[in-house]
N, C-alpha and C. Protein backbone atom coordinates (compact mmCIF):
# COMPACT_ATOMS: atom_id res chain seq x y z
N MET A 1 0.95 -1.19 0.01
CA MET A 1 0.01 -0.19 0.40
C MET A 1 0.84 1.41 -0.17
N ARG A 2 0.85 2.31 -1.30
CA ARG A 2 1.50 3.38 -0.97
C ARG A 2 1.17 4.07 0.34
N ILE A 3 2.09 4.94 0.44
CA ILE A 3 2.11 5.65 2.20
C ILE A 3 1.90 7.50 1.34
N TYR A 4 1.06 8.11 1.96
CA TYR A 4 1.38 9.59 1.58
C TYR A 4 1.19 10.42 2.79
N PRO A 5 1.78 11.43 2.67
CA PRO A 5 1.85 12.45 4.06
C PRO A 5 0.35 12.63 4.59
N ALA A 6 0.54 12.80 5.71
CA ALA A 6 -0.53 12.89 6.47
C ALA A 6 -1.69 14.39 6.39
N ASN A 7 -2.68 13.93 6.48
CA ASN A 7 -3.56 15.43 5.78
C ASN A 7 -3.42 16.06 4.30
N SER A 8 -2.82 14.81 3.33
CA SER A 8 -2.58 15.00 2.15
C SER A 8 -3.71 14.87 1.33
N PRO A 9 -4.04 15.09 0.29
CA PRO A 9 -5.54 15.29 -0.70
C PRO A 9 -5.45 13.68 -1.25
N GLN A 10 -3.95 13.20 -1.65
CA GLN A 10 -3.78 11.84 -1.91
C GLN A 10 -4.61 10.79 -0.55
N ALA A 11 -4.03 11.15 0.69
CA ALA A 11 -4.65 10.44 2.00
C ALA A 11 -6.15 10.53 2.21
N ALA A 12 -6.68 11.89 2.14
CA ALA A 12 -7.98 11.56 2.34
C ALA A 12 -8.89 11.06 0.91
N ALA A 13 -8.60 11.48 -0.30
CA ALA A 13 -9.22 10.59 -1.80
C ALA A 13 -9.02 9.58 -0.94
N ARG A 14 -8.02 8.70 -0.37
CA ARG A 14 -7.91 7.07 0.14
C ARG A 14 -9.46 6.80 0.81
N ILE A 15 -9.36 7.54 1.68
CA ILE A 15 -10.54 7.57 2.63
C ILE A 15 -11.99 7.61 1.74
N VAL A 16 -12.03 8.13 0.29
CA VAL A 16 -13.46 8.34 -0.24
C VAL A 16 -13.41 6.99 -0.86
N ALA A 17 -11.90 6.99 -1.75
CA ALA A 17 -12.39 5.55 -2.23
C ALA A 17 -12.72 4.34 -1.48
N LEU A 18 -12.07 4.30 -0.39
CA LEU A 18 -12.53 3.26 0.70
C LEU A 18 -13.99 3.25 0.48
N THR A 19 -14.69 3.98 1.28
CA THR A 19 -16.10 4.09 1.29
C THR A 19 -16.55 3.86 -0.16
N VAL A 20 -16.14 4.34 -1.13
CA VAL A 20 -16.93 4.30 -2.71
C VAL A 20 -16.97 2.73 -2.86
N VAL A 21 -15.79 2.01 -2.44
CA VAL A 21 -15.53 0.61 -2.76
C VAL A 21 -16.40 -0.38 -1.67
N ALA A 22 -16.33 -0.04 -0.78
CA ALA A 22 -16.83 -0.41 0.69
C ALA A 22 -17.81 -2.10 0.35
N ASP A 23 -18.89 -1.17 -0.51
CA ASP A 23 -19.97 -2.19 -0.77
C ASP A 23 -19.92 -3.09 -1.62
N GLY A 24 -18.69 -3.15 -2.47
CA GLY A 24 -18.71 -4.28 -3.38
C GLY A 24 -18.67 -3.75 -4.52
N ASP A 25 -18.89 -2.52 -4.73
CA ASP A 25 -19.73 -2.09 -5.96
C ASP A 25 -19.25 -0.63 -6.22
N ILE A 26 -18.82 -0.21 -7.25
CA ILE A 26 -18.57 0.99 -7.55
C ILE A 26 -19.79 1.49 -8.45
N GLY A 27 -20.85 2.26 -7.90
CA GLY A 27 -22.45 2.48 -8.47
C GLY A 27 -21.93 3.63 -9.29
N ALA A 28 -22.58 3.85 -10.28
CA ALA A 28 -22.92 5.10 -10.54
C ALA A 28 -24.05 6.21 -9.93
N ALA A 29 -24.55 6.17 -8.91
CA ALA A 29 -24.74 6.95 -7.91
C ALA A 29 -23.92 7.48 -7.34
N GLU A 30 -22.91 6.58 -6.95
CA GLU A 30 -21.75 7.38 -5.89
C GLU A 30 -20.88 8.01 -6.97
N ILE A 31 -20.74 7.54 -7.71
CA ILE A 31 -19.44 8.74 -9.04
C ILE A 31 -20.40 9.72 -9.37
N GLU A 32 -21.72 10.11 -9.20
CA GLU A 32 -22.86 11.18 -9.58
C GLU A 32 -22.35 11.81 -8.50
N TRP A 33 -22.22 11.85 -7.28
CA TRP A 33 -22.31 12.18 -5.63
C TRP A 33 -20.90 12.83 -6.10
N LEU A 34 -19.59 12.20 -6.25
CA LEU A 34 -18.79 12.54 -6.34
C LEU A 34 -18.23 13.82 -6.94
N ASP A 35 -19.05 13.57 -7.98
CA ASP A 35 -19.09 15.09 -8.89
C ASP A 35 -20.45 16.05 -8.50
N ARG A 36 -21.31 15.65 -7.97
CA ARG A 36 -22.38 16.72 -7.57
C ARG A 36 -21.57 17.32 -6.04
N LEU A 37 -20.76 16.68 -5.50
CA LEU A 37 -20.19 17.41 -4.21
C LEU A 37 -19.22 17.67 -4.34
N ALA A 38 -18.25 17.81 -5.69
CA ALA A 38 -17.36 18.39 -6.33
C ALA A 38 -16.28 18.04 -5.06
N VAL A 39 -16.29 16.59 -4.90
CA VAL A 39 -15.48 16.11 -4.12
C VAL A 39 -14.05 16.42 -4.18
N HIS A 40 -13.54 16.13 -5.43
CA HIS A 40 -11.97 16.50 -5.94
C HIS A 40 -11.81 18.03 -5.52
N GLU A 41 -12.67 18.83 -5.63
CA GLU A 41 -12.22 20.39 -4.88
C GLU A 41 -12.18 20.32 -3.93
N GLN A 42 -12.95 19.83 -2.55
CA GLN A 42 -13.04 19.74 -1.49
C GLN A 42 -11.80 19.05 -0.86
N LEU A 43 -10.81 18.86 -1.89
CA LEU A 43 -9.85 17.87 -1.54
C LEU A 43 -8.65 18.43 -1.49
N GLY A 44 -8.43 19.44 -3.02
CA GLY A 44 -7.61 19.72 -3.14
C GLY A 44 -7.01 19.32 -4.70
N LEU A 45 -7.85 18.50 -5.51
CA LEU A 45 -7.74 18.08 -6.56
C LEU A 45 -8.39 18.25 -7.71
N ALA A 46 -7.76 17.65 -8.75
CA ALA A 46 -8.30 17.79 -10.21
C ALA A 46 -9.41 16.58 -10.20
N ARG A 47 -10.48 16.68 -11.11
CA ARG A 47 -11.40 15.44 -10.87
C ARG A 47 -10.54 13.89 -11.46
N HIS A 48 -10.15 14.41 -12.81
CA HIS A 48 -9.22 13.47 -12.85
C HIS A 48 -7.90 12.63 -11.98
N GLU A 49 -7.71 13.55 -10.72
CA GLU A 49 -6.38 13.11 -10.04
C GLU A 49 -7.60 12.25 -8.98
N LEU A 50 -8.80 12.94 -8.61
CA LEU A 50 -9.62 11.91 -7.83
C LEU A 50 -9.58 10.45 -8.48
N HIS A 51 -10.15 10.47 -9.54
CA HIS A 51 -10.25 9.04 -10.37
C HIS A 51 -9.04 8.37 -10.24
N ALA A 52 -7.96 9.02 -10.33
CA ALA A 52 -6.92 8.18 -10.65
C ALA A 52 -6.47 7.68 -9.40
N LEU A 53 -6.77 8.38 -8.38
CA LEU A 53 -6.44 8.00 -6.72
C LEU A 53 -7.19 6.76 -6.54
N MET A 54 -8.20 6.94 -6.82
CA MET A 54 -9.42 5.68 -6.25
C MET A 54 -9.23 4.57 -7.43
N ASP A 55 -8.70 4.64 -8.70
CA ASP A 55 -7.73 3.60 -9.44
C ASP A 55 -6.91 2.65 -8.68
N THR A 56 -5.84 3.77 -8.20
CA THR A 56 -4.55 3.55 -7.61
C THR A 56 -4.72 2.51 -6.36
N PHE A 57 -6.06 3.21 -5.47
CA PHE A 57 -6.29 2.67 -4.49
C PHE A 57 -6.81 0.81 -4.49
N CYS A 58 -7.31 1.17 -5.84
CA CYS A 58 -8.27 -0.76 -5.81
C CYS A 58 -6.56 -1.11 -6.23
N GLU A 59 -5.73 -0.69 -6.90
CA GLU A 59 -4.92 -1.22 -7.27
C GLU A 59 -4.34 -1.87 -6.38
N ASP A 60 -3.97 -1.08 -5.23
CA ASP A 60 -3.22 -1.49 -4.07
C ASP A 60 -4.17 -2.77 -3.28
N LEU A 61 -4.89 -2.43 -2.95
CA LEU A 61 -6.07 -3.61 -2.29
C LEU A 61 -5.91 -4.92 -3.02
N LEU A 62 -5.64 -4.76 -4.71
CA LEU A 62 -5.47 -6.07 -5.09
C LEU A 62 -4.40 -6.45 -5.08
N SER A 63 -3.00 -5.69 -4.95
CA SER A 63 -1.95 -6.26 -5.03
C SER A 63 -1.95 -6.79 -3.55
N SER A 64 -2.46 -6.11 -2.45
CA SER A 64 -2.00 -6.69 -0.98
C SER A 64 -2.81 -7.81 -0.88
N GLY A 65 -4.08 -8.38 -1.74
CA GLY A 65 -4.49 -9.48 -1.87
C GLY A 65 -6.10 -9.19 -0.80
N GLN A 66 -6.51 -7.46 -0.12
CA GLN A 66 -7.50 -7.46 0.70
C GLN A 66 -8.69 -7.33 -0.16
N LEU A 67 -8.89 -7.17 -1.33
CA LEU A 67 -9.95 -6.78 -2.38
C LEU A 67 -10.77 -7.89 -2.60
N GLN A 68 -11.47 -8.47 -1.69
CA GLN A 68 -12.52 -9.39 -1.72
C GLN A 68 -13.76 -9.26 -2.18
N TRP A 69 -14.36 -8.37 -1.71
CA TRP A 69 -15.66 -8.51 -1.96
C TRP A 69 -16.44 -9.31 -1.47
N ALA A 70 -16.42 -9.60 -0.11
CA ALA A 70 -17.05 -10.61 0.74
C ALA A 70 -18.26 -10.16 1.66
N GLY A 71 -18.65 -8.84 1.09
CA GLY A 71 -19.65 -8.48 1.67
C GLY A 71 -19.37 -7.41 2.94
N ALA A 72 -18.40 -7.24 3.22
CA ALA A 72 -17.83 -6.32 4.18
C ALA A 72 -16.59 -5.41 3.83
N CYS A 73 -16.30 -4.70 4.87
CA CYS A 73 -14.93 -4.00 4.52
C CYS A 73 -13.79 -4.52 3.81
N PRO A 74 -13.30 -4.16 2.31
CA PRO A 74 -12.22 -4.41 1.81
C PRO A 74 -11.11 -4.43 2.21
N VAL A 75 -10.66 -4.01 3.42
CA VAL A 75 -9.93 -3.86 4.35
C VAL A 75 -9.37 -4.16 5.49
N ASP A 76 -8.76 -4.69 6.19
CA ASP A 76 -8.00 -5.10 7.69
C ASP A 76 -8.48 -3.81 8.23
N GLU A 77 -8.68 -4.88 9.79
CA GLU A 77 -8.48 -3.04 10.80
C GLU A 77 -7.46 -2.78 10.90
N ARG A 78 -6.36 -3.33 10.64
CA ARG A 78 -4.92 -2.70 10.91
C ARG A 78 -4.64 -1.82 9.73
N THR A 79 -5.41 -2.24 8.56
CA THR A 79 -5.58 -1.34 7.26
C THR A 79 -6.01 0.20 7.55
N LEU A 80 -7.01 -0.17 7.91
CA LEU A 80 -7.93 0.74 8.25
C LEU A 80 -7.66 1.57 8.90
N ALA A 81 -7.01 1.25 10.35
CA ALA A 81 -6.98 1.88 11.19
C ALA A 81 -5.58 2.78 11.12
N ASP A 82 -5.15 2.51 9.82
CA ASP A 82 -3.44 3.20 9.48
C ASP A 82 -3.93 4.26 8.70
N LEU A 83 -5.33 3.89 7.43
CA LEU A 83 -5.37 5.01 6.58
C LEU A 83 -6.43 6.44 7.29
N MET A 84 -7.08 5.88 8.39
CA MET A 84 -7.76 6.94 9.27
C MET A 84 -6.87 7.57 10.07
N GLY A 85 -5.71 6.97 10.37
CA GLY A 85 -4.81 7.59 10.83
C GLY A 85 -3.90 8.38 10.03
N GLU A 86 -3.77 8.76 8.56
CA GLU A 86 -3.23 9.62 8.17
C GLU A 86 -4.02 10.63 7.97
N ILE A 87 -5.30 10.73 8.55
CA ILE A 87 -5.99 12.13 8.10
C ILE A 87 -5.81 12.30 9.58
N GLN A 88 -5.15 13.90 10.31
CA GLN A 88 -5.30 14.18 11.59
C GLN A 88 -5.68 15.33 11.47
N ASP A 89 -5.97 16.03 10.72
CA ASP A 89 -6.53 17.78 10.70
C ASP A 89 -8.02 17.43 11.28
N PRO A 90 -8.69 18.04 12.16
CA PRO A 90 -9.65 18.14 12.55
C PRO A 90 -10.66 18.69 11.70
N ALA A 91 -10.83 19.73 10.49
CA ALA A 91 -11.71 20.09 9.76
C ALA A 91 -11.53 19.24 8.88
N LEU A 92 -10.64 18.56 8.22
CA LEU A 92 -10.58 17.80 7.15
C LEU A 92 -11.12 16.62 7.45
N ARG A 93 -11.03 15.81 8.67
CA ARG A 93 -11.80 14.86 9.21
C ARG A 93 -13.11 14.71 9.44
N LEU A 94 -13.52 16.42 10.04
CA LEU A 94 -15.14 16.28 9.63
C LEU A 94 -15.71 16.68 7.85
N THR A 95 -14.61 17.22 7.32
CA THR A 95 -15.35 17.15 5.62
C THR A 95 -15.35 15.89 5.13
N LEU A 96 -14.43 15.01 5.30
CA LEU A 96 -14.67 13.80 5.11
C LEU A 96 -15.53 12.90 5.89
N LEU A 97 -15.94 12.87 6.86
CA LEU A 97 -17.03 12.66 7.49
C LEU A 97 -18.40 12.62 6.71
N ARG A 98 -18.28 13.97 6.46
CA ARG A 98 -19.64 14.28 5.79
C ARG A 98 -19.82 13.77 4.33
N VAL A 99 -18.69 13.95 3.57
CA VAL A 99 -18.39 13.25 2.24
C VAL A 99 -18.93 11.92 2.51
N CYS A 100 -18.44 11.22 2.90
CA CYS A 100 -18.54 9.61 3.07
C CYS A 100 -19.77 9.48 3.76
N VAL A 101 -20.17 9.81 4.21
CA VAL A 101 -21.88 9.90 4.91
C VAL A 101 -22.96 9.68 3.61
N ALA A 102 -22.58 11.08 2.66
CA ALA A 102 -23.19 11.45 1.69
C ALA A 102 -23.22 10.26 0.96
N LEU A 103 -21.78 9.49 0.41
CA LEU A 103 -21.73 8.77 -0.57
C LEU A 103 -22.55 7.42 -0.31
N ALA A 104 -22.05 6.95 1.04
CA ALA A 104 -22.46 5.49 1.72
C ALA A 104 -24.23 6.13 1.44
N GLU A 105 -25.06 6.86 1.51
CA GLU A 105 -26.29 7.20 1.14
C GLU A 105 -26.58 7.40 -0.14
N ALA A 106 -25.76 7.35 -1.24
CA ALA A 106 -25.91 7.92 -2.35
C ALA A 106 -26.85 6.88 -3.02
N ASP A 107 -26.97 5.35 -2.95
CA ASP A 107 -27.96 4.79 -3.59
C ASP A 107 -28.82 3.78 -2.73
N ALA A 108 -29.45 4.96 -1.65
CA ALA A 108 -30.45 5.00 -0.73
C ALA A 108 -30.34 4.14 0.42
N HIS A 109 -28.95 2.89 0.71
CA HIS A 109 -28.91 1.97 1.26
C HIS A 109 -27.52 1.95 1.80
N VAL A 110 -26.98 2.08 3.07
CA VAL A 110 -25.93 1.75 3.73
C VAL A 110 -25.14 0.41 3.94
N ASP A 111 -24.71 -0.08 3.16
CA ASP A 111 -23.91 -1.62 3.04
C ASP A 111 -23.47 -1.80 4.24
N GLU A 112 -23.08 -3.01 4.67
CA GLU A 112 -22.28 -3.16 5.86
C GLU A 112 -21.05 -2.84 5.91
N GLY A 113 -20.57 -2.98 4.54
CA GLY A 113 -18.94 -2.51 4.33
C GLY A 113 -19.18 -1.04 4.62
N GLU A 114 -19.93 0.17 4.02
CA GLU A 114 -19.86 1.37 4.24
C GLU A 114 -19.73 1.78 5.11
N SER A 115 -20.85 0.79 6.64
CA SER A 115 -21.08 1.08 7.59
C SER A 115 -19.62 1.28 8.60
N THR A 116 -18.62 -0.09 8.05
CA THR A 116 -17.80 -0.60 8.65
C THR A 116 -16.58 0.67 8.53
N VAL A 117 -16.87 1.27 7.49
CA VAL A 117 -15.95 2.62 7.36
C VAL A 117 -16.01 3.67 8.13
N LEU A 118 -17.66 4.06 7.89
CA LEU A 118 -18.08 5.41 8.64
C LEU A 118 -17.68 5.00 10.34
N VAL A 119 -18.15 4.02 10.44
CA VAL A 119 -17.96 3.77 12.04
C VAL A 119 -16.42 4.03 12.55
N ALA A 120 -15.49 3.13 11.57
CA ALA A 120 -14.27 3.53 11.68
C ALA A 120 -13.84 4.83 11.93
N ALA A 121 -14.37 5.69 11.03
CA ALA A 121 -13.92 7.34 11.10
C ALA A 121 -14.59 7.41 12.03
N VAL A 122 -15.73 7.52 12.72
CA VAL A 122 -16.26 8.37 13.68
C VAL A 122 -15.05 7.71 14.93
N GLU A 123 -14.70 6.48 15.39
CA GLU A 123 -14.16 6.10 16.23
C GLU A 123 -12.64 6.57 16.53
N HIS A 124 -12.17 6.53 14.95
CA HIS A 124 -10.68 7.00 15.18
C HIS A 124 -10.82 7.92 15.39
N TRP A 125 -11.49 8.91 14.78
CA TRP A 125 -11.29 10.99 14.71
C TRP A 125 -11.72 11.37 15.97
N GLY A 126 -12.50 10.66 16.86
CA GLY A 126 -13.41 10.92 18.00
C GLY A 126 -14.61 11.88 17.51
N LEU A 127 -15.34 11.62 16.25
CA LEU A 127 -16.41 12.48 15.67
C LEU A 127 -17.85 12.00 15.91
N HIS A 128 -17.87 11.23 17.26
CA HIS A 128 -19.03 10.66 17.70
C HIS A 128 -20.38 11.47 18.05
N ARG A 129 -20.29 12.85 18.30
CA ARG A 129 -21.46 14.15 18.38
C ARG A 129 -21.64 14.29 16.74
N GLU A 130 -20.71 14.16 16.00
CA GLU A 130 -21.19 14.60 14.67
C GLU A 130 -21.89 13.94 13.86
N MET A 131 -21.98 12.64 14.23
CA MET A 131 -23.26 11.90 13.69
C MET A 131 -24.47 12.08 14.05
N LEU A 132 -24.51 12.83 14.76
CA LEU A 132 -25.96 13.06 15.70
C LEU A 132 -26.68 14.67 14.71
N ARG A 133 -25.63 15.14 14.31
CA ARG A 133 -25.84 16.61 13.34
C ARG A 133 -26.28 15.96 11.98
N PRO A 134 -27.44 16.64 11.86
CA PRO A 134 -27.71 16.25 10.26
C PRO A 134 -27.02 16.40 9.28
N THR A 135 -26.67 16.29 8.17
CA THR A 135 -25.85 16.54 6.99
C THR A 135 -26.34 16.59 6.45
N VAL A 136 -25.89 17.76 5.75
CA VAL A 136 -26.46 18.39 4.56
C VAL A 136 -25.84 18.54 3.20
N PRO A 137 -25.58 17.73 1.92
CA PRO A 137 -24.81 18.00 0.73
C PRO A 137 -24.61 19.46 0.46
N ASN A 138 -23.24 19.50 0.19
CA ASN A 138 -22.55 20.79 -0.22
C ASN A 138 -23.45 21.14 -1.72
C-alpha cells in the first residue's frame, strides 16, 4: 500500500475511495455524488486526479490481496486504522466524514462495508457527536 503524507489530498482521497468500494460495487450513484459534491475540489484535487487515486487505491488493495468483495469492508482492521491515522486535521476529518456519509447514502442503502468505514472514521477521529447532527450535501 502506498504511503502518503498526513492530511494530504491523496490520503484523504483514499478514505473517499474506501467508502466508494466498501459496498463491493462502484455504483453510478456514487460517481454522480462525487461530482455533485465536487469532492475533488474539497480535497484540493482535479477531478481526474481523484479518479486516478481511486484506481490506484483499488490496485493497491488487489496487490495486497485485501480486495475480496466479501460483503464487508475490503481492508483489514489494521489497514483501516492506518488509513484513518493519516488524517489528523480536525477540519479535514469532518469534511471527509460528511462526504463519506453522503456517498454511503447515495444509493439509498448503507451497506455493511460502508457502515464499517463510517464507524471506523467516527471511532478513530472522535467524531461521535457529529453523527448526531444532520448532514446536508454542499
